[in-house]
Amino acid sequence: MRAILISAGLAVLVSGCAAAGSPPPGGTDPAVQRGQAFAARRCAGCHEVGLDDREGTSGPRFRALRMRFNALSLQRRFDQISEHGSGEMPPIHITRSEAEDLVAYIESLTN
């Protein structure tokens, strides 16, 4: 009986570790990871950059951007934002490679 309880406990422990260690959106794609880091660092002050439904963001949620723009139009949009800003958003310098990483990250937001 004790062996069964120990086995059951280990199974719960292992399944909990697997859930806690779930890969980020896009798995281990380096471009997605760089884009996620950039978004957290430079965009999260005004945008919900993950899959949460955080209230009070002044900019659109990144997962909503995924539904409104394809990869090419996102790239063009980031070029515009880098040069001129957008609405209330001031110009934010975004390099071509940072924009590509942001696009990869936004495209990975599937929920």
PDB file of N, CA and C in Angstrom:
ATOM      1  N   MET A   1       0.829  -1.193   0.000  1.00  0.00           N
ATOM      2  CA  MET A   1       0.000   0.000   0.000  1.00  0.00           C
ATOM      3  C   MET A   1       0.872   1.256   0.000  1.00  0.00           C
ATOM      4  N   ARG A   2       1.937   1.222   0.802  1.00  0.00           N
ATOM      5  CA  ARG A   2       2.821   2.390   0.876  1.00  0.00           C
ATOM      6  C   ARG A   2       3.486   2.665  -0.473  1.00  0.00           C
ATOM      7  N   ALA A   3       3.858   1.603  -1.181  1.00  0.00           N
ATOM      8  CA  ALA A   3       4.488   1.768  -2.494  1.00  0.00           C
ATOM      9  C   ALA A   3       3.527   2.440  -3.472  1.00  0.00           C
ATOM     10  N   ILE A   4       2.253   2.114  -3.396  1.00  0.00           N
ATOM     11  CA  ILE A   4       1.258   2.719  -4.272  1.00  0.00           C
ATOM     12  C   ILE A   4       1.144   4.206  -3.976  1.00  0.00           C
ATOM     13  N   LEU A   5       1.111   4.565  -2.691  1.00  0.00           N
ATOM     14  CA  LEU A   5       1.011   5.976  -2.313  1.00  0.00           C
ATOM     15  C   LEU A   5       2.242   6.753  -2.768  1.00  0.00           C
ATOM     16  N   ILE A   6       3.415   6.152  -2.620  1.00  0.00           N
ATOM     17  CA  ILE A   6       4.645   6.815  -3.053  1.00  0.00           C
ATOM     18  C   ILE A   6       4.627   6.996  -4.564  1.00  0.00           C
ATOM     19  N   SER A   7       4.213   5.976  -5.305  1.00  0.00           N
ATOM     20  CA  SER A   7       4.138   6.074  -6.761  1.00  0.00           C
ATOM     21  C   SER A   7       3.150   7.151  -7.182  1.00  0.00           C
ATOM     22  N   ALA A   8       2.007   7.196  -6.521  1.00  0.00           N
ATOM     23  CA  ALA A   8       1.001   8.208  -6.855  1.00  0.00           C
ATOM     24  C   ALA A   8       1.536   9.607  -6.558  1.00  0.00           C
ATOM     25  N   GLY A   9       2.222   9.743  -5.437  1.00  0.00           N
ATOM     26  CA  GLY A   9       2.801  11.042  -5.081  1.00  0.00           C
ATOM     27  C   GLY A   9       3.847  11.487  -6.088  1.00  0.00           C
ATOM     28  N   LEU A  10       4.679  10.567  -6.531  1.00  0.00           N
ATOM     29  CA  LEU A  10       5.687  10.895  -7.532  1.00  0.00           C
ATOM     30  C   LEU A  10       5.044  11.292  -8.855  1.00  0.00           C
ATOM     31  N   ALA A  11       3.986  10.604  -9.221  1.00  0.00           N
ATOM     32  CA  ALA A  11       3.292  10.925 -10.471  1.00  0.00           C
ATOM     33  C   ALA A  11       2.724  12.347 -10.421  1.00  0.00           C
ATOM     34  N   VAL A  12       2.137  12.717  -9.285  1.00  0.00           N
ATOM     35  CA  VAL A  12       1.594  14.074  -9.136  1.00  0.00           C
ATOM     36  C   VAL A  12       2.719  15.094  -9.182  1.00  0.00           C
ATOM     37  N   LEU A  13       3.823  14.796  -8.501  1.00  0.00           N
ATOM     38  CA  LEU A  13       4.958  15.699  -8.480  1.00  0.00           C
ATOM     39  C   LEU A  13       5.526  15.912  -9.879  1.00  0.00           C
ATOM     40  N   VAL A  14       5.705  14.830 -10.609  1.00  0.00           N
ATOM     41  CA  VAL A  14       6.254  14.918 -11.963  1.00  0.00           C
ATOM     42  C   VAL A  14       5.309  15.676 -12.887  1.00  0.00           C
ATOM     43  N   SER A  15       4.001  15.430 -12.795  1.00  0.00           N
ATOM     44  CA  SER A  15       3.058  16.140 -13.661  1.00  0.00           C
ATOM     45  C   SER A  15       3.020  17.618 -13.316  1.00  0.00           C
ATOM     46  N   GLY A  16       3.160  17.975 -12.037  1.00  0.00           N
ATOM     47  CA  GLY A  16       3.213  19.375 -11.640  1.00  0.00           C
ATOM     48  C   GLY A  16       4.447  20.057 -12.172  1.00  0.00           C
ATOM     49  N   CYS A  17       5.574  19.377 -12.152  1.00  0.00           N
ATOM     50  CA  CYS A  17       6.805  19.957 -12.689  1.00  0.00           C
ATOM     51  C   CYS A  17       6.697  20.159 -14.196  1.00  0.00           C
ATOM     52  N   ALA A  18       6.070  19.228 -14.867  1.00  0.00           N
ATOM     53  CA  ALA A  18       5.924  19.353 -16.313  1.00  0.00           C
ATOM     54  C   ALA A  18       5.059  20.550 -16.656  1.00  0.00           C
ATOM     55  N   ALA A  19       3.991  20.775 -15.886  1.00  0.00           N
ATOM     56  CA  ALA A  19       3.120  21.917 -16.159  1.00  0.00           C
ATOM     57  C   ALA A  19       3.840  23.227 -15.868  1.00  0.00           C
ATOM     58  N   ALA A  20       4.593  23.265 -14.780  1.00  0.00           N
ATOM     59  CA  ALA A  20       5.301  24.492 -14.419  1.00  0.00           C
ATOM     60  C   ALA A  20       6.400  24.811 -15.421  1.00  0.00           C
ATOM     61  N   GLY A  21       6.965  23.793 -16.040  1.00  0.00           N
ATOM     62  CA  GLY A  21       8.042  23.998 -16.986  1.00  0.00           C
ATOM     63  C   GLY A  21       7.570  24.040 -18.422  1.00  0.00           C
ATOM     64  N   SER A  22       6.306  24.347 -18.617  1.00  0.00           N
ATOM     65  CA  SER A  22       5.768  24.395 -19.973  1.00  0.00           C
ATOM     66  C   SER A  22       6.536  25.417 -20.792  1.00  0.00           C
ATOM     67  N   PRO A  23       6.816  25.083 -22.038  1.00  0.00           N
ATOM     68  CA  PRO A  23       7.571  26.015 -22.868  1.00  0.00           C
ATOM     69  C   PRO A  23       6.767  27.265 -23.142  1.00  0.00           C
ATOM     70  N   PRO A  24       7.427  28.392 -23.362  1.00  0.00           N
ATOM     71  CA  PRO A  24       6.733  29.618 -23.703  1.00  0.00           C
ATOM     72  C   PRO A  24       6.107  29.490 -25.083  1.00  0.00           C
ATOM     73  N   PRO A  25       5.240  30.440 -25.472  1.00  0.00           N
ATOM     74  CA  PRO A  25       4.695  30.382 -26.831  1.00  0.00           C
ATOM     75  C   PRO A  25       5.825  30.243 -27.835  1.00  0.00           C
ATOM     76  N   GLY A  26       5.646  29.387 -28.808  1.00  0.00           N
ATOM     77  CA  GLY A  26       6.672  29.194 -29.821  1.00  0.00           C
ATOM     78  C   GLY A  26       7.739  28.205 -29.422  1.00  0.00           C
ATOM     79  N   GLY A  27       7.583  27.585 -28.236  1.00  0.00           N
ATOM     80  CA  GLY A  27       8.573  26.605 -27.800  1.00  0.00           C
ATOM     81  C   GLY A  27       9.925  27.228 -27.567  1.00  0.00           C
ATOM     82  N   THR A  28      10.938  26.679 -28.175  1.00  0.00           N
ATOM     83  CA  THR A  28      12.297  27.153 -27.940  1.00  0.00           C
ATOM     84  C   THR A  28      12.857  27.937 -29.128  1.00  0.00           C
ATOM     85  N   ASP A  29      12.003  28.426 -30.000  1.00  0.00           N
ATOM     86  CA  ASP A  29      12.443  29.217 -31.143  1.00  0.00           C
ATOM     87  C   ASP A  29      13.143  30.473 -30.632  1.00  0.00           C
ATOM     88  N   PRO A  30      14.427  30.644 -30.952  1.00  0.00           N
ATOM     89  CA  PRO A  30      15.170  31.802 -30.432  1.00  0.00           C
ATOM     90  C   PRO A  30      14.565  33.144 -30.839  1.00  0.00           C
ATOM     91  N   ALA A  31      14.022  33.253 -32.057  1.00  0.00           N
ATOM     92  CA  ALA A  31      13.411  34.507 -32.491  1.00  0.00           C
ATOM     93  C   ALA A  31      12.191  34.831 -31.625  1.00  0.00           C
ATOM     94  N   VAL A  32      11.396  33.826 -31.310  1.00  0.00           N
ATOM     95  CA  VAL A  32      10.222  34.025 -30.459  1.00  0.00           C
ATOM     96  C   VAL A  32      10.667  34.464 -29.064  1.00  0.00           C
ATOM     97  N   GLN A  33      11.697  33.825 -28.532  1.00  0.00           N
ATOM     98  CA  GLN A  33      12.189  34.190 -27.201  1.00  0.00           C
ATOM     99  C   GLN A  33      12.734  35.617 -27.188  1.00  0.00           C
ATOM    100  N   ARG A  34      13.474  36.002 -28.215  1.00  0.00           N
ATOM    101  CA  ARG A  34      13.982  37.374 -28.290  1.00  0.00           C
ATOM    102  C   ARG A  34      12.838  38.369 -28.421  1.00  0.00           C
ATOM    103  N   GLY A  35      11.838  38.029 -29.244  1.00  0.00           N
ATOM    104  CA  GLY A  35      10.679  38.902 -29.409  1.00  0.00           C
ATOM    105  C   GLY A  35       9.890  39.049 -28.124  1.00  0.00           C
ATOM    106  N   GLN A  36       9.741  37.958 -27.394  1.00  0.00           N
ATOM    107  CA  GLN A  36       9.037  38.008 -26.115  1.00  0.00           C
ATOM    108  C   GLN A  36       9.802  38.881 -25.121  1.00  0.00           C
ATOM    109  N   ALA A  37      11.117  38.741 -25.089  1.00  0.00           N
ATOM    110  CA  ALA A  37      11.937  39.553 -24.180  1.00  0.00           C
ATOM    111  C   ALA A  37      11.851  41.032 -24.558  1.00  0.00           C
ATOM    112  N   PHE A  38      11.913  41.340 -25.844  1.00  0.00           N
ATOM    113  CA  PHE A  38      11.800  42.726 -26.305  1.00  0.00           C
ATOM    114  C   PHE A  38      10.440  43.298 -25.918  1.00  0.00           C
ATOM    115  N   ALA A  39       9.383  42.524 -26.157  1.00  0.00           N
ATOM    116  CA  ALA A  39       8.030  42.981 -25.838  1.00  0.00           C
ATOM    117  C   ALA A  39       7.887  43.247 -24.342  1.00  0.00           C
ATOM    118  N   ALA A  40       8.425  42.361 -23.524  1.00  0.00           N
ATOM    119  CA  ALA A  40       8.346  42.546 -22.072  1.00  0.00           C
ATOM    120  C   ALA A  40       9.111  43.796 -21.643  1.00  0.00           C
ATOM    121  N   ARG A  41      10.223  44.043 -22.277  1.00  0.00           N
ATOM    122  CA  ARG A  41      11.096  45.156 -21.903  1.00  0.00           C
ATOM    123  C   ARG A  41      10.584  46.496 -22.438  1.00  0.00           C
ATOM    124  N   ARG A  42      10.115  46.522 -23.681  1.00  0.00           N
ATOM    125  CA  ARG A  42       9.822  47.797 -24.339  1.00  0.00           C
ATOM    126  C   ARG A  42       8.334  48.073 -24.573  1.00  0.00           C
ATOM    127  N   CYS A  43       7.484  47.053 -24.495  1.00  0.00           N
ATOM    128  CA  CYS A  43       6.090  47.240 -24.895  1.00  0.00           C
ATOM    129  C   CYS A  43       5.076  47.023 -23.764  1.00  0.00           C
ATOM    130  N   ALA A  44       5.479  46.254 -22.756  1.00  0.00           N
ATOM    131  CA  ALA A  44       4.529  45.815 -21.723  1.00  0.00           C
ATOM    132  C   ALA A  44       3.995  46.948 -20.853  1.00  0.00           C
ATOM    133  N   GLY A  45       4.617  48.111 -20.882  1.00  0.00           N
ATOM    134  CA  GLY A  45       4.093  49.223 -20.108  1.00  0.00           C
ATOM    135  C   GLY A  45       2.740  49.697 -20.605  1.00  0.00           C
ATOM    136  N   CYS A  46       2.480  49.538 -21.892  1.00  0.00           N
ATOM    137  CA  CYS A  46       1.229  50.022 -22.490  1.00  0.00           C
ATOM    138  C   CYS A  46       0.402  48.917 -23.147  1.00  0.00           C
ATOM    139  N   HIS A  47       1.016  47.781 -23.448  1.00  0.00           N
ATOM    140  CA  HIS A  47       0.330  46.695 -24.155  1.00  0.00           C
ATOM    141  C   HIS A  47       0.332  45.442 -23.297  1.00  0.00           C
ATOM    142  N   GLU A  48      -0.705  44.625 -23.447  1.00  0.00           N
ATOM    143  CA  GLU A  48      -0.693  43.278 -22.886  1.00  0.00           C
ATOM    144  C   GLU A  48       0.038  42.436 -23.918  1.00  0.00           C
ATOM    145  N   VAL A  49       1.246  42.006 -23.585  1.00  0.00           N
ATOM    146  CA  VAL A  49       2.084  41.344 -24.576  1.00  0.00           C
ATOM    147  C   VAL A  49       1.972  39.827 -24.533  1.00  0.00           C
ATOM    148  N   GLY A  50       1.282  39.283 -23.538  1.00  0.00           N
ATOM    149  CA  GLY A  50       1.129  37.833 -23.436  1.00  0.00           C
ATOM    150  C   GLY A  50      -0.285  37.404 -23.779  1.00  0.00           C
ATOM    151  N   LEU A  51      -0.705  36.324 -23.152  1.00  0.00           N
ATOM    152  CA  LEU A  51      -2.042  35.786 -23.405  1.00  0.00           C
ATOM    153  C   LEU A  51      -3.033  36.174 -22.319  1.00  0.00           C
ATOM    154  N   ASP A  52      -2.591  36.970 -21.331  1.00  0.00           N
ATOM    155  CA  ASP A  52      -3.468  37.388 -20.246  1.00  0.00           C
ATOM    156  C   ASP A  52      -4.500  38.387 -20.748  1.00  0.00           C
ATOM    157  N   ASP A  53      -5.500  38.614 -19.931  1.00  0.00           N
ATOM    158  CA  ASP A  53      -6.522  39.609 -20.240  1.00  0.00           C
ATOM    159  C   ASP A  53      -6.413  40.774 -19.266  1.00  0.00           C
ATOM    160  N   ARG A  54      -5.215  41.245 -19.058  1.00  0.00           N
ATOM    161  CA  ARG A  54      -4.977  42.351 -18.133  1.00  0.00           C
ATOM    162  C   ARG A  54      -5.762  43.575 -18.603  1.00  0.00           C
ATOM    163  N   GLU A  55      -6.441  44.192 -17.674  1.00  0.00           N
ATOM    164  CA  GLU A  55      -7.207  45.406 -17.980  1.00  0.00           C
ATOM    165  C   GLU A  55      -6.315  46.623 -17.803  1.00  0.00           C
ATOM    166  N   GLY A  56      -6.721  47.713 -18.401  1.00  0.00           N
ATOM    167  CA  GLY A  56      -6.035  48.971 -18.193  1.00  0.00           C
ATOM    168  C   GLY A  56      -4.871  49.244 -19.127  1.00  0.00           C
ATOM    169  N   THR A  57      -4.688  48.436 -20.136  1.00  0.00           N
ATOM    170  CA  THR A  57      -3.628  48.714 -21.096  1.00  0.00           C
ATOM    171  C   THR A  57      -4.133  49.764 -22.074  1.00  0.00           C
ATOM    172  N   SER A  58      -3.276  50.727 -22.383  1.00  0.00           N
ATOM    173  CA  SER A  58      -3.699  51.779 -23.301  1.00  0.00           C
ATOM    174  C   SER A  58      -3.533  51.372 -24.765  1.00  0.00           C
ATOM    175  N   GLY A  59      -2.654  50.419 -25.031  1.00  0.00           N
ATOM    176  CA  GLY A  59      -2.441  49.949 -26.395  1.00  0.00           C
ATOM    177  C   GLY A  59      -3.127  48.614 -26.614  1.00  0.00           C
ATOM    178  N   PRO A  60      -3.264  48.225 -27.864  1.00  0.00           N
ATOM    179  CA  PRO A  60      -3.925  46.940 -28.147  1.00  0.00           C
ATOM    180  C   PRO A  60      -3.111  45.751 -27.632  1.00  0.00           C
ATOM    181  N   ARG A  61      -3.830  44.697 -27.296  1.00  0.00           N
ATOM    182  CA  ARG A  61      -3.185  43.451 -26.862  1.00  0.00           C
ATOM    183  C   ARG A  61      -2.454  42.835 -28.048  1.00  0.00           C
ATOM    184  N   PHE A  62      -1.305  42.243 -27.787  1.00  0.00           N
ATOM    185  CA  PHE A  62      -0.532  41.633 -28.860  1.00  0.00           C
ATOM    186  C   PHE A  62      -1.288  40.488 -29.529  1.00  0.00           C
ATOM    187  N   ARG A  63      -2.057  39.736 -28.761  1.00  0.00           N
ATOM    188  CA  ARG A  63      -2.793  38.639 -29.404  1.00  0.00           C
ATOM    189  C   ARG A  63      -3.874  39.182 -30.330  1.00  0.00           C
ATOM    190  N   ALA A  64      -4.389  40.401 -30.059  1.00  0.00           N
ATOM    191  CA  ALA A  64      -5.346  41.031 -30.975  1.00  0.00           C
ATOM    192  C   ALA A  64      -4.630  41.488 -32.246  1.00  0.00           C
ATOM    193  N   LEU A  65      -3.389  41.957 -32.085  1.00  0.00           N
ATOM    194  CA  LEU A  65      -2.609  42.339 -33.265  1.00  0.00           C
ATOM    195  C   LEU A  65      -2.402  41.140 -34.180  1.00  0.00           C
ATOM    196  N   ARG A  66      -2.216  39.980 -33.586  1.00  0.00           N
ATOM    197  CA  ARG A  66      -2.027  38.749 -34.369  1.00  0.00           C
ATOM    198  C   ARG A  66      -3.230  38.485 -35.261  1.00  0.00           C
ATOM    199  N   MET A  67      -4.415  38.826 -34.765  1.00  0.00           N
ATOM    200  CA  MET A  67      -5.629  38.589 -35.538  1.00  0.00           C
ATOM    201  C   MET A  67      -5.859  39.677 -36.593  1.00  0.00           C
ATOM    202  N   ARG A  68      -5.309  40.875 -36.380  1.00  0.00           N
ATOM    203  CA  ARG A  68      -5.543  42.004 -37.294  1.00  0.00           C
ATOM    204  C   ARG A  68      -4.509  42.124 -38.396  1.00  0.00           C
ATOM    205  N   PHE A  69      -3.310  41.629 -38.169  1.00  0.00           N
ATOM    206  CA  PHE A  69      -2.216  41.835 -39.116  1.00  0.00           C
ATOM    207  C   PHE A  69      -1.546  40.510 -39.460  1.00  0.00           C
ATOM    208  N   ASN A  70      -1.095  40.378 -40.699  1.00  0.00           N
ATOM    209  CA  ASN A  70      -0.247  39.236 -41.046  1.00  0.00           C
ATOM    210  C   ASN A  70       1.206  39.642 -40.811  1.00  0.00           C
ATOM    211  N   ALA A  71       2.132  38.733 -41.028  1.00  0.00           N
ATOM    212  CA  ALA A  71       3.543  38.990 -40.720  1.00  0.00           C
ATOM    213  C   ALA A  71       4.098  40.184 -41.501  1.00  0.00           C
ATOM    214  N   LEU A  72       3.779  40.278 -42.774  1.00  0.00           N
ATOM    215  CA  LEU A  72       4.294  41.382 -43.589  1.00  0.00           C
ATOM    216  C   LEU A  72       3.727  42.727 -43.125  1.00  0.00           C
ATOM    217  N   SER A  73       2.426  42.771 -42.846  1.00  0.00           N
ATOM    218  CA  SER A  73       1.839  44.041 -42.402  1.00  0.00           C
ATOM    219  C   SER A  73       2.335  44.421 -41.004  1.00  0.00           C
ATOM    220  N   LEU A  74       2.616  43.448 -40.151  1.00  0.00           N
ATOM    221  CA  LEU A  74       3.224  43.750 -38.853  1.00  0.00           C
ATOM    222  C   LEU A  74       4.604  44.364 -39.036  1.00  0.00           C
ATOM    223  N   GLN A  75       5.384  43.782 -39.927  1.00  0.00           N
ATOM    224  CA  GLN A  75       6.731  44.298 -40.199  1.00  0.00           C
ATOM    225  C   GLN A  75       6.639  45.760 -40.667  1.00  0.00           C
ATOM    226  N   ARG A  76       5.734  46.037 -41.569  1.00  0.00           N
ATOM    227  CA  ARG A  76       5.552  47.409 -42.061  1.00  0.00           C
ATOM    228  C   ARG A  76       5.093  48.336 -40.937  1.00  0.00           C
ATOM    229  N   ARG A  77       4.209  47.838 -40.108  1.00  0.00           N
ATOM    230  CA  ARG A  77       3.697  48.633 -38.983  1.00  0.00           C
ATOM    231  C   ARG A  77       4.836  48.990 -38.031  1.00  0.00           C
ATOM    232  N   PHE A  78       5.707  48.040 -37.737  1.00  0.00           N
ATOM    233  CA  PHE A  78       6.838  48.324 -36.850  1.00  0.00           C
ATOM    234  C   PHE A  78       7.797  49.326 -37.481  1.00  0.00           C
ATOM    235  N   ASP A  79       7.956  49.280 -38.793  1.00  0.00           N
ATOM    236  CA  ASP A  79       8.771  50.289 -39.488  1.00  0.00           C
ATOM    237  C   ASP A  79       8.169  51.680 -39.287  1.00  0.00           C
ATOM    238  N   GLN A  80       6.852  51.793 -39.429  1.00  0.00           N
ATOM    239  CA  GLN A  80       6.169  53.076 -39.241  1.00  0.00           C
ATOM    240  C   GLN A  80       6.308  53.567 -37.799  1.00  0.00           C
ATOM    241  N   ILE A  81       6.114  52.661 -36.858  1.00  0.00           N
ATOM    242  CA  ILE A  81       6.215  53.020 -35.438  1.00  0.00           C
ATOM    243  C   ILE A  81       7.628  53.489 -35.117  1.00  0.00           C
ATOM    244  N   SER A  82       8.608  52.837 -35.697  1.00  0.00           N
ATOM    245  CA  SER A  82       9.995  53.212 -35.446  1.00  0.00           C
ATOM    246  C   SER A  82      10.279  54.628 -35.934  1.00  0.00           C
ATOM    247  N   GLU A  83       9.685  55.016 -37.048  1.00  0.00           N
ATOM    248  CA  GLU A  83       9.936  56.338 -37.621  1.00  0.00           C
ATOM    249  C   GLU A  83       9.003  57.426 -37.084  1.00  0.00           C
ATOM    250  N   HIS A  84       7.693  57.115 -36.965  1.00  0.00           N
ATOM    251  CA  HIS A  84       6.704  58.159 -36.698  1.00  0.00           C
ATOM    252  C   HIS A  84       5.854  57.933 -35.457  1.00  0.00           C
ATOM    253  N   GLY A  85       5.907  56.765 -34.866  1.00  0.00           N
ATOM    254  CA  GLY A  85       4.974  56.447 -33.792  1.00  0.00           C
ATOM    255  C   GLY A  85       3.624  56.086 -34.381  1.00  0.00           C
ATOM    256  N   SER A  86       2.607  56.062 -33.522  1.00  0.00           N
ATOM    257  CA  SER A  86       1.265  55.719 -33.988  1.00  0.00           C
ATOM    258  C   SER A  86       0.248  56.228 -32.978  1.00  0.00           C
ATOM    259  N   GLY A  87      -0.585  57.160 -33.384  1.00  0.00           N
ATOM    260  CA  GLY A  87      -1.581  57.698 -32.463  1.00  0.00           C
ATOM    261  C   GLY A  87      -0.919  58.263 -31.213  1.00  0.00           C
ATOM    262  N   GLU A  88      -1.263  57.714 -30.050  1.00  0.00           N
ATOM    263  CA  GLU A  88      -0.673  58.139 -28.784  1.00  0.00           C
ATOM    264  C   GLU A  88       0.733  57.589 -28.578  1.00  0.00           C
ATOM    265  N   MET A  89       1.113  56.636 -29.375  1.00  0.00           N
ATOM    266  CA  MET A  89       2.403  55.974 -29.204  1.00  0.00           C
ATOM    267  C   MET A  89       3.521  56.794 -29.841  1.00  0.00           C
ATOM    268  N   PRO A  90       4.526  57.155 -29.053  1.00  0.00           N
ATOM    269  CA  PRO A  90       5.648  57.916 -29.625  1.00  0.00           C
ATOM    270  C   PRO A  90       6.517  57.009 -30.493  1.00  0.00           C
ATOM    271  N   PRO A  91       7.351  57.593 -31.332  1.00  0.00           N
ATOM    272  CA  PRO A  91       8.290  56.750 -32.087  1.00  0.00           C
ATOM    273  C   PRO A  91       9.182  55.946 -31.127  1.00  0.00           C
ATOM    274  N   ILE A  92       9.326  54.697 -31.414  1.00  0.00           N
ATOM    275  CA  ILE A  92      10.184  53.808 -30.627  1.00  0.00           C
ATOM    276  C   ILE A  92      11.117  53.123 -31.614  1.00  0.00           C
ATOM    277  N   HIS A  93      12.409  53.340 -31.450  1.00  0.00           N
ATOM    278  CA  HIS A  93      13.368  52.746 -32.382  1.00  0.00           C
ATOM    279  C   HIS A  93      13.309  51.223 -32.287  1.00  0.00           C
ATOM    280  N   ILE A  94      13.020  50.603 -33.413  1.00  0.00           N
ATOM    281  CA  ILE A  94      12.964  49.144 -33.522  1.00  0.00           C
ATOM    282  C   ILE A  94      13.801  48.769 -34.737  1.00  0.00           C
ATOM    283  N   THR A  95      14.852  47.997 -34.514  1.00  0.00           N
ATOM    284  CA  THR A  95      15.682  47.570 -35.637  1.00  0.00           C
ATOM    285  C   THR A  95      14.934  46.532 -36.463  1.00  0.00           C
ATOM    286  N   ARG A  96      15.426  46.267 -37.644  1.00  0.00           N
ATOM    287  CA  ARG A  96      14.818  45.255 -38.519  1.00  0.00           C
ATOM    288  C   ARG A  96      14.798  43.890 -37.826  1.00  0.00           C
ATOM    289  N   SER A  97      15.895  43.512 -37.186  1.00  0.00           N
ATOM    290  CA  SER A  97      15.941  42.194 -36.530  1.00  0.00           C
ATOM    291  C   SER A  97      15.021  42.154 -35.304  1.00  0.00           C
ATOM    292  N   GLU A  98      14.907  43.269 -34.565  1.00  0.00           N
ATOM    293  CA  GLU A  98      13.974  43.306 -33.439  1.00  0.00           C
ATOM    294  C   GLU A  98      12.534  43.189 -33.932  1.00  0.00           C
ATOM    295  N   ALA A  99      12.224  43.857 -35.045  1.00  0.00           N
ATOM    296  CA  ALA A  99      10.885  43.761 -35.626  1.00  0.00           C
ATOM    297  C   ALA A  99      10.591  42.327 -36.068  1.00  0.00           C
ATOM    298  N   GLU A 100      11.564  41.663 -36.666  1.00  0.00           N
ATOM    299  CA  GLU A 100      11.378  40.267 -37.082  1.00  0.00           C
ATOM    300  C   GLU A 100      11.121  39.372 -35.870  1.00  0.00           C
ATOM    301  N   ASP A 101      11.855  39.621 -34.795  1.00  0.00           N
ATOM    302  CA  ASP A 101      11.652  38.846 -33.567  1.00  0.00           C
ATOM    303  C   ASP A 101      10.270  39.121 -32.967  1.00  0.00           C
ATOM    304  N   LEU A 102       9.843  40.382 -32.964  1.00  0.00           N
ATOM    305  CA  LEU A 102       8.500  40.721 -32.470  1.00  0.00           C
ATOM    306  C   LEU A 102       7.425  40.043 -33.303  1.00  0.00           C
ATOM    307  N   VAL A 103       7.603  40.038 -34.609  1.00  0.00           N
ATOM    308  CA  VAL A 103       6.639  39.367 -35.487  1.00  0.00           C
ATOM    309  C   VAL A 103       6.592  37.878 -35.156  1.00  0.00           C
ATOM    310  N   ALA A 104       7.743  37.250 -34.980  1.00  0.00           N
ATOM    311  CA  ALA A 104       7.775  35.819 -34.635  1.00  0.00           C
ATOM    312  C   ALA A 104       7.050  35.576 -33.318  1.00  0.00           C
ATOM    313  N   TYR A 105       7.267  36.451 -32.346  1.00  0.00           N
ATOM    314  CA  TYR A 105       6.601  36.291 -31.055  1.00  0.00           C
ATOM    315  C   TYR A 105       5.091  36.476 -31.188  1.00  0.00           C
ATOM    316  N   ILE A 106       4.671  37.534 -31.848  1.00  0.00           N
ATOM    317  CA  ILE A 106       3.221  37.787 -32.001  1.00  0.00           C
ATOM    318  C   ILE A 106       2.552  36.640 -32.753  1.00  0.00           C
ATOM    319  N   GLU A 107       3.229  36.133 -33.772  1.00  0.00           N
ATOM    320  CA  GLU A 107       2.685  35.003 -34.529  1.00  0.00           C
ATOM    321  C   GLU A 107       2.571  33.740 -33.660  1.00  0.00           C
ATOM    322  N   SER A 108       3.355  33.653 -32.602  1.00  0.00           N
ATOM    323  CA  SER A 108       3.312  32.470 -31.735  1.00  0.00           C
ATOM    324  C   SER A 108       2.158  32.518 -30.745  1.00  0.00           C
ATOM    325  N   LEU A 109       1.513  33.658 -30.590  1.00  0.00           N
ATOM    326  CA  LEU A 109       0.410  33.802 -29.635  1.00  0.00           C
ATOM    327  C   LEU A 109      -0.853  33.197 -30.239  1.00  0.00           C
ATOM    328  N   THR A 110      -1.114  31.961 -29.915  1.00  0.00           N
ATOM    329  CA  THR A 110      -2.192  31.238 -30.589  1.00  0.00           C
ATOM    330  C   THR A 110      -3.495  31.198 -29.812  1.00  0.00           C
ATOM    331  N   ASN A 111      -3.521  31.612 -28.573  1.00  0.00           N
ATOM    332  CA  ASN A 111      -4.765  31.556 -27.789  1.00  0.00           C
ATOM    333  C   ASN A 111      -5.399  32.908 -27.659  1.00  0.00           C
TER     334      ASN A 111
END
